[in-house]
C-alpha atoms as a PDB file:
ATOM      1  CA  MET A   1      49.927  84.932 145.233  1.00  0.00           C
ATOM      2  CA  SER A   2      51.267  84.251 141.721  1.00  0.00           C
ATOM      3  CA  ARG A   3      54.908  84.845 140.835  1.00  0.00           C
ATOM      4  CA  PRO A   4      55.781  87.344 138.112  1.00  0.00           C
ATOM      5  CA  PRO A   5      56.605  85.571 134.860  1.00  0.00           C
ATOM      6  CA  LEU A   6      60.179  84.575 134.203  1.00  0.00           C
ATOM      7  CA  THR A   7      62.145  86.704 131.758  1.00  0.00           C
ATOM      8  CA  PRO A   8      65.820  86.702 130.774  1.00  0.00           C
ATOM      9  CA  ALA A   9      66.288  89.893 132.826  1.00  0.00           C
ATOM     10  CA  ARG A  10      64.765  88.298 135.946  1.00  0.00           C
ATOM     11  CA  VAL A  11      67.006  85.256 135.565  1.00  0.00           C
ATOM     12  CA  ILE A  12      70.138  87.418 135.265  1.00  0.00           C
ATOM     13  CA  ASP A  13      69.090  89.583 138.212  1.00  0.00           C
ATOM     14  CA  ALA A  14      68.672  86.448 140.305  1.00  0.00           C
ATOM     15  CA  ALA A  15      72.081  85.187 139.157  1.00  0.00           C
ATOM     16  CA  SER A  16      73.635  88.479 140.283  1.00  0.00           C
ATOM     17  CA  ARG A  17      72.133  87.994 143.756  1.00  0.00           C
ATOM     18  CA  VAL A  18      73.526  84.466 143.921  1.00  0.00           C
ATOM     19  CA  ALA A  19      76.951  85.716 142.808  1.00  0.00           C
ATOM     20  CA  ASP A  20      76.853  88.439 145.469  1.00  0.00           C
ATOM     21  CA  ALA A  21      76.121  85.830 148.125  1.00  0.00           C
ATOM     22  CA  THR A  22      78.424  83.023 147.013  1.00  0.00           C
ATOM     23  CA  GLY A  23      80.784  84.295 144.296  1.00  0.00           C
ATOM     24  CA  LEU A  24      80.745  83.011 140.728  1.00  0.00           C
ATOM     25  CA  ALA A  25      81.568  79.500 141.893  1.00  0.00           C
ATOM     26  CA  GLY A  26      78.096  79.292 143.406  1.00  0.00           C
ATOM     27  CA  VAL A  27      76.249  80.310 140.254  1.00  0.00           C
ATOM     28  CA  SER A  28      74.467  77.397 138.600  1.00  0.00           C
ATOM     29  CA  MET A  29      71.153  76.963 136.851  1.00  0.00           C
ATOM     30  CA  ARG A  30      69.900  74.924 139.807  1.00  0.00           C
ATOM     31  CA  ILE A  31      70.803  77.517 142.431  1.00  0.00           C
ATOM     32  CA  VAL A  32      69.521  80.428 140.352  1.00  0.00           C
ATOM     33  CA  GLY A  33      66.285  78.484 139.878  1.00  0.00           C
ATOM     34  CA  ARG A  34      66.063  78.046 143.637  1.00  0.00           C
ATOM     35  CA  GLU A  35      66.602  81.802 144.084  1.00  0.00           C
ATOM     36  CA  LEU A  36      63.601  82.356 141.803  1.00  0.00           C
ATOM     37  CA  GLY A  37      61.540  79.594 143.370  1.00  0.00           C
ATOM     38  CA  VAL A  38      61.398  77.484 140.197  1.00  0.00           C
ATOM     39  CA  GLU A  39      62.980  74.330 138.836  1.00  0.00           C
ATOM     40  CA  ALA A  40      66.231  74.750 136.936  1.00  0.00           C
ATOM     41  CA  MET A  41      64.635  73.418 133.756  1.00  0.00           C
ATOM     42  CA  SER A  42      62.331  76.457 133.687  1.00  0.00           C
ATOM     43  CA  LEU A  43      65.340  78.720 133.181  1.00  0.00           C
ATOM     44  CA  TYR A  44      66.341  77.097 129.909  1.00  0.00           C
ATOM     45  CA  HIS A  45      63.380  78.749 128.183  1.00  0.00           C
ATOM     46  CA  HIS A  46      65.042  82.111 128.890  1.00  0.00           C
ATOM     47  CA  VAL A  47      68.810  81.432 129.166  1.00  0.00           C
ATOM     48  CA  ALA A  48      70.354  78.745 126.976  1.00  0.00           C
ATOM     49  CA  ASN A  49      72.925  77.376 129.432  1.00  0.00           C
ATOM     50  CA  LYS A  50      75.418  78.371 132.124  1.00  0.00           C
ATOM     51  CA  ASP A  51      77.716  80.028 129.582  1.00  0.00           C
ATOM     52  CA  ALA A  52      74.857  82.247 128.487  1.00  0.00           C
ATOM     53  CA  LEU A  53      74.111  82.951 132.143  1.00  0.00           C
ATOM     54  CA  LEU A  54      77.698  84.161 132.689  1.00  0.00           C
ATOM     55  CA  ASP A  55      77.548  86.235 129.500  1.00  0.00           C
ATOM     56  CA  GLY A  56      74.387  87.817 130.856  1.00  0.00           C
ATOM     57  CA  LEU A  57      76.060  88.527 134.192  1.00  0.00           C
ATOM     58  CA  ALA A  58      78.966  90.293 132.489  1.00  0.00           C
ATOM     59  CA  ASP A  59      76.490  92.388 130.539  1.00  0.00           C
ATOM     60  CA  TRP A  60      74.564  93.095 133.768  1.00  0.00           C
ATOM     61  CA  VAL A  61      77.734  94.533 135.318  1.00  0.00           C
ATOM     62  CA  PHE A  62      78.273  96.936 132.429  1.00  0.00           C
ATOM     63  CA  ALA A  63      74.628  97.975 132.615  1.00  0.00           C
ATOM     64  CA  GLN A  64      75.263  99.178 136.198  1.00  0.00           C
ATOM     65  CA  ILE A  65      78.273 101.346 135.254  1.00  0.00           C
ATOM     66  CA  LEU A  66      77.724 104.941 134.203  1.00  0.00           C
ATOM     67  CA  THR A  67      77.837 105.239 130.430  1.00  0.00           C
ATOM     68  CA  PRO A  68      79.646 108.337 129.100  1.00  0.00           C
ATOM     69  CA  THR A  69      77.636 110.951 127.228  1.00  0.00           C
ATOM     70  CA  LEU A  70      78.829 112.081 123.822  1.00  0.00           C
ATOM     71  CA  GLY A  71      79.285 115.805 123.391  1.00  0.00           C
ATOM     72  CA  VAL A  72      80.328 116.343 127.025  1.00  0.00           C
ATOM     73  CA  PRO A  73      84.002 117.131 127.810  1.00  0.00           C
ATOM     74  CA  TRP A  74      85.857 113.850 127.869  1.00  0.00           C
ATOM     75  CA  ARG A  75      87.677 114.314 131.178  1.00  0.00           C
ATOM     76  CA  SER A  76      84.599 114.789 133.348  1.00  0.00           C
ATOM     77  CA  GLU A  77      82.923 111.797 131.678  1.00  0.00           C
ATOM     78  CA  MET A  78      85.928 109.490 132.080  1.00  0.00           C
ATOM     79  CA  GLU A  79      86.312 110.600 135.701  1.00  0.00           C
ATOM     80  CA  ALA A  80      82.650 109.906 136.476  1.00  0.00           C
ATOM     81  CA  ARG A  81      82.794 106.569 134.663  1.00  0.00           C
ATOM     82  CA  ALA A  82      85.892 105.449 136.588  1.00  0.00           C
ATOM     83  CA  ARG A  83      84.241 106.328 139.893  1.00  0.00           C
ATOM     84  CA  SER A  84      81.100 104.465 138.872  1.00  0.00           C
ATOM     85  CA  ALA A  85      83.067 101.401 137.753  1.00  0.00           C
ATOM     86  CA  ARG A  86      84.965 101.361 141.022  1.00  0.00           C
ATOM     87  CA  SER A  87      81.734 101.510 143.011  1.00  0.00           C
ATOM     88  CA  VAL A  88      80.013  98.784 140.983  1.00  0.00           C
ATOM     89  CA  LEU A  89      82.998  96.414 140.942  1.00  0.00           C
ATOM     90  CA  ALA A  90      83.663  96.889 144.649  1.00  0.00           C
ATOM     91  CA  ALA A  91      80.019  96.038 145.362  1.00  0.00           C
ATOM     92  CA  HIS A  92      80.159  93.005 143.021  1.00  0.00           C
ATOM     93  CA  PRO A  93      83.817  91.838 143.086  1.00  0.00           C
ATOM     94  CA  TRP A  94      82.921  88.654 141.211  1.00  0.00           C
ATOM     95  CA  GLY A  95      82.578  90.924 138.177  1.00  0.00           C
ATOM     96  CA  LEU A  96      86.281  91.793 138.135  1.00  0.00           C
ATOM     97  CA  GLY A  97      87.394  88.632 136.392  1.00  0.00           C
ATOM     98  CA  LEU A  98      84.219  88.315 134.362  1.00  0.00           C
ATOM     99  CA  VAL A  99      83.640  91.578 132.525  1.00  0.00           C
ATOM    100  CA  GLU A 100      86.577  91.353 130.132  1.00  0.00           C
ATOM    101  CA  SER A 101      86.777  87.569 129.810  1.00  0.00           C
ATOM    102  CA  ARG A 102      83.543  86.669 128.014  1.00  0.00           C
ATOM    103  CA  ARG A 103      83.696  86.030 124.281  1.00  0.00           C
ATOM    104  CA  SER A 104      80.038  86.876 123.650  1.00  0.00           C
ATOM    105  CA  ALA A 105      79.595  90.518 124.584  1.00  0.00           C
ATOM    106  CA  GLY A 106      76.029  91.587 125.309  1.00  0.00           C
ATOM    107  CA  PRO A 107      74.229  94.746 124.190  1.00  0.00           C
ATOM    108  CA  ALA A 108      74.971  96.737 127.346  1.00  0.00           C
ATOM    109  CA  THR A 109      78.669  95.864 127.100  1.00  0.00           C
ATOM    110  CA  LEU A 110      78.927  96.812 123.437  1.00  0.00           C
ATOM    111  CA  SER A 111      76.953 100.036 123.888  1.00  0.00           C
ATOM    112  CA  HIS A 112      79.075 100.991 126.886  1.00  0.00           C
ATOM    113  CA  HIS A 113      82.366 100.420 125.067  1.00  0.00           C
ATOM    114  CA  ASP A 114      81.115 102.273 122.014  1.00  0.00           C
ATOM    115  CA  ALA A 115      80.081 105.238 124.173  1.00  0.00           C
ATOM    116  CA  VAL A 116      83.496 105.407 125.863  1.00  0.00           C
ATOM    117  CA  LEU A 117      85.235 105.491 122.498  1.00  0.00           C
ATOM    118  CA  GLY A 118      82.666 107.886 121.094  1.00  0.00           C
ATOM    119  CA  CYS A 119      83.096 110.325 123.978  1.00  0.00           C
ATOM    120  CA  LEU A 120      86.840 110.420 123.371  1.00  0.00           C
ATOM    121  CA  ARG A 121      86.666 110.520 119.576  1.00  0.00           C
ATOM    122  CA  THR A 122      84.092 113.335 119.442  1.00  0.00           C
ATOM    123  CA  ASP A 123      86.304 115.372 121.761  1.00  0.00           C
ATOM    124  CA  GLY A 124      89.249 115.229 119.377  1.00  0.00           C
ATOM    125  CA  PHE A 125      91.080 111.999 120.294  1.00  0.00           C
ATOM    126  CA  THR A 126      92.596 109.975 117.489  1.00  0.00           C
ATOM    127  CA  VAL A 127      91.573 106.329 117.278  1.00  0.00           C
ATOM    128  CA  ALA A 128      94.953 105.273 118.690  1.00  0.00           C
ATOM    129  CA  LEU A 129      94.906 107.664 121.647  1.00  0.00           C
ATOM    130  CA  ALA A 130      91.274 106.796 122.445  1.00  0.00           C
ATOM    131  CA  ALA A 131      92.305 103.132 122.600  1.00  0.00           C
ATOM    132  CA  HIS A 132      95.283 103.952 124.832  1.00  0.00           C
ATOM    133  CA  ALA A 133      93.157 106.091 127.160  1.00  0.00           C
ATOM    134  CA  PHE A 134      90.411 103.463 127.412  1.00  0.00           C
ATOM    135  CA  SER A 135      92.966 100.769 128.217  1.00  0.00           C
ATOM    136  CA  VAL A 136      94.909 102.665 130.881  1.00  0.00           C
ATOM    137  CA  LEU A 137      91.767 103.930 132.630  1.00  0.00           C
ATOM    138  CA  ASP A 138      90.311 100.439 132.884  1.00  0.00           C
ATOM    139  CA  ALA A 139      93.655  98.954 133.938  1.00  0.00           C
ATOM    140  CA  TYR A 140      93.932 101.523 136.725  1.00  0.00           C
ATOM    141  CA  THR A 141      90.336 101.211 137.909  1.00  0.00           C
ATOM    142  CA  TYR A 142      90.122  97.413 137.785  1.00  0.00           C
ATOM    143  CA  GLY A 143      93.553  97.028 139.348  1.00  0.00           C
ATOM    144  CA  PHE A 144      92.707  99.439 142.136  1.00  0.00           C
ATOM    145  CA  VAL A 145      89.488  97.614 142.969  1.00  0.00           C
ATOM    146  CA  LEU A 146      91.263  94.248 142.878  1.00  0.00           C
ATOM    147  CA  THR A 147      93.723  95.509 145.492  1.00  0.00           C
ATOM    148  CA  GLU A 148      91.048  97.292 147.503  1.00  0.00           C
ATOM    149  CA  VAL A 149      88.764  94.271 147.901  1.00  0.00           C
ATOM    150  CA  ASN A 150      91.641  91.907 148.739  1.00  0.00           C
ATOM    151  CA  LEU A 151      93.513  93.958 151.355  1.00  0.00           C
ATOM    152  CA  PRO A 152      94.316  91.912 154.490  1.00  0.00           C
ATOM    153  CA  PHE A 153      92.720  94.547 156.732  1.00  0.00           C
ATOM    154  CA  GLU A 154      89.434  96.408 156.887  1.00  0.00           C
ATOM    155  CA  PRO A 155      89.153 100.203 156.564  1.00  0.00           C
ATOM    156  CA  GLY A 156      90.102 101.827 159.851  1.00  0.00           C
ATOM    157  CA  THR A 157      92.147  98.831 161.069  1.00  0.00           C
ATOM    158  CA  ALA A 158      95.450  99.529 159.282  1.00  0.00           C
ATOM    159  CA  ASP A 159      97.196 100.328 162.592  1.00  0.00           C
ATOM    160  CA  ASP A 160      96.362  96.863 163.923  1.00  0.00           C
ATOM    161  CA  PHE A 161      97.742  95.259 160.775  1.00  0.00           C
ATOM    162  CA  ILE A 162     100.937  97.316 160.972  1.00  0.00           C
ATOM    163  CA  GLU A 163     101.452  96.161 164.563  1.00  0.00           C
ATOM    164  CA  GLU A 164     101.210  92.555 163.378  1.00  0.00           C
ATOM    165  CA  ILE A 165     103.929  92.997 160.737  1.00  0.00           C
ATOM    166  CA  ALA A 166     106.116  95.505 162.624  1.00  0.00           C
ATOM    167  CA  ALA A 167     108.929  93.005 163.202  1.00  0.00           C
ATOM    168  CA  SER A 168     109.218  92.269 159.479  1.00  0.00           C
ATOM    169  CA  LEU A 169     109.743  95.981 158.773  1.00  0.00           C
ATOM    170  CA  ALA A 170     112.748  96.306 161.087  1.00  0.00           C
ATOM    171  CA  ASP A 171     115.278  96.289 158.220  1.00  0.00           C
ATOM    172  CA  ARG A 172     113.033  97.944 155.621  1.00  0.00           C
ATOM    173  CA  PRO A 173     113.686 101.660 156.209  1.00  0.00           C
ATOM    174  CA  TRP A 174     111.657 103.018 153.323  1.00  0.00           C
ATOM    175  CA  MET A 175     108.601 101.010 154.263  1.00  0.00           C
ATOM    176  CA  ARG A 176     108.978 102.087 157.892  1.00  0.00           C
ATOM    177  CA  GLU A 177     109.156 105.688 156.763  1.00  0.00           C
ATOM    178  CA  LEU A 178     105.980 105.308 154.704  1.00  0.00           C
ATOM    179  CA  VAL A 179     104.149 103.595 157.552  1.00  0.00           C
ATOM    180  CA  ALA A 180     105.214 106.234 160.075  1.00  0.00           C
ATOM    181  CA  GLU A 181     104.287 109.193 157.885  1.00  0.00           C
ATOM    182  CA  ARG A 182     101.213 107.983 156.041  1.00  0.00           C
ATOM    183  CA  ILE A 183      99.570 105.188 158.006  1.00  0.00           C
ATOM    184  CA  THR A 184     100.214 104.976 161.747  1.00  0.00           C
ATOM    185  CA  GLY A 185      97.785 107.164 163.646  1.00  0.00           C
ATOM    186  CA  GLN A 186      96.427 108.672 160.429  1.00  0.00           C
ATOM    187  CA  ASP A 187      93.089 106.805 160.221  1.00  0.00           C
ATOM    188  CA  TYR A 188      94.489 105.418 156.983  1.00  0.00           C
ATOM    189  CA  ALA A 189      92.152 104.109 154.281  1.00  0.00           C
ATOM    190  CA  TYR A 190      93.636 102.684 151.101  1.00  0.00           C
ATOM    191  CA  GLY A 191      90.516 103.751 149.209  1.00  0.00           C
ATOM    192  CA  ASP A 192      91.520 107.385 149.645  1.00  0.00           C
ATOM    193  CA  GLU A 193      94.305 106.793 147.119  1.00  0.00           C
ATOM    194  CA  PHE A 194      91.833 106.298 144.271  1.00  0.00           C
ATOM    195  CA  GLU A 195      91.124 109.928 143.483  1.00  0.00           C
ATOM    196  CA  TYR A 196      94.794 110.954 143.543  1.00  0.00           C
ATOM    197  CA  GLY A 197      95.773 108.129 141.236  1.00  0.00           C
ATOM    198  CA  LEU A 198      92.858 108.775 138.908  1.00  0.00           C
ATOM    199  CA  ALA A 199      93.890 112.425 138.591  1.00  0.00           C
ATOM    200  CA  LEU A 200      97.444 111.341 137.705  1.00  0.00           C
ATOM    201  CA  VAL A 201      96.130 109.038 134.981  1.00  0.00           C
ATOM    202  CA  LEU A 202      93.783 111.688 133.595  1.00  0.00           C
ATOM    203  CA  ASP A 203      96.542 114.306 133.685  1.00  0.00           C
ATOM    204  CA  GLY A 204      98.731 112.005 131.608  1.00  0.00           C
ATOM    205  CA  ILE A 205      95.955 111.368 129.085  1.00  0.00           C
ATOM    206  CA  GLU A 206      95.201 115.084 128.906  1.00  0.00           C
ATOM    207  CA  ALA A 207      98.867 115.919 128.262  1.00  0.00           C
ATOM    208  CA  ALA A 208      99.025 113.323 125.481  1.00  0.00           C
ATOM    209  CA  HIS A 209      95.804 114.671 123.976  1.00  0.00           C
ATOM    210  CA  GLU A 210      97.049 118.271 124.044  1.00  0.00           C
ATOM    211  CA  ALA A 211     100.347 117.233 122.442  1.00  0.00           C
ATOM    212  CA  GLU A 212      98.433 115.409 119.747  1.00  0.00           C
ATOM    213  CA  VAL A 213      96.270 118.477 119.048  1.00  0.00           C
ATOM    214  CA  ARG A 214      99.379 120.653 118.756  1.00  0.00           C
ATOM    215  CA  ARG A 215     100.926 118.245 116.260  1.00  0.00           C
ATOM    216  CA  ARG A 216      97.817 118.394 114.086  1.00  0.00           C
ATOM    217  CA  SER A 217      97.481 122.187 114.175  1.00  0.00           C
END
């Protein structure tokens, strides 16, 4: 049975599978070639080098994230995009440090960023406020995922973790209060905080947008 022909997209897809299995440290032309069942040298006809492979991976991540639609109310689009980004980055945590660090942005990345700005601008945001909103939404979403994927306990096991550190909380009354009220016996999941925090961020952006509209009217 013959293999399908190599293409840049197939090479990047294979690299994403390697990254999922091993992290970015495991991504090399040799290992991606092995994933595809070919020699590493075959890849160079489709991807110039490892830097280009990493650029392609960053672009692959953005291609998985929901792209906002222009002409739709900005808040619902930014909310849906943040949820999508959280889901994609949690599934592929190697993307967290990659998506904003590459100097050569790919077409999916550029189109995605342009659509975010376009959604905000066509709904009345100034250039400055669109930039602020874009920045704070990504900072919140990326930061949340970074914490979520690195917590020292799995969902549903917070009580066990609290038992382990109970002695260190003896003289920390405010932390003990938080643990007693919000975590112990509550089937606590840190991920549940995402929606509340996202609403706070969006409320702040909305208030700034409304104030800006009033100033211009």
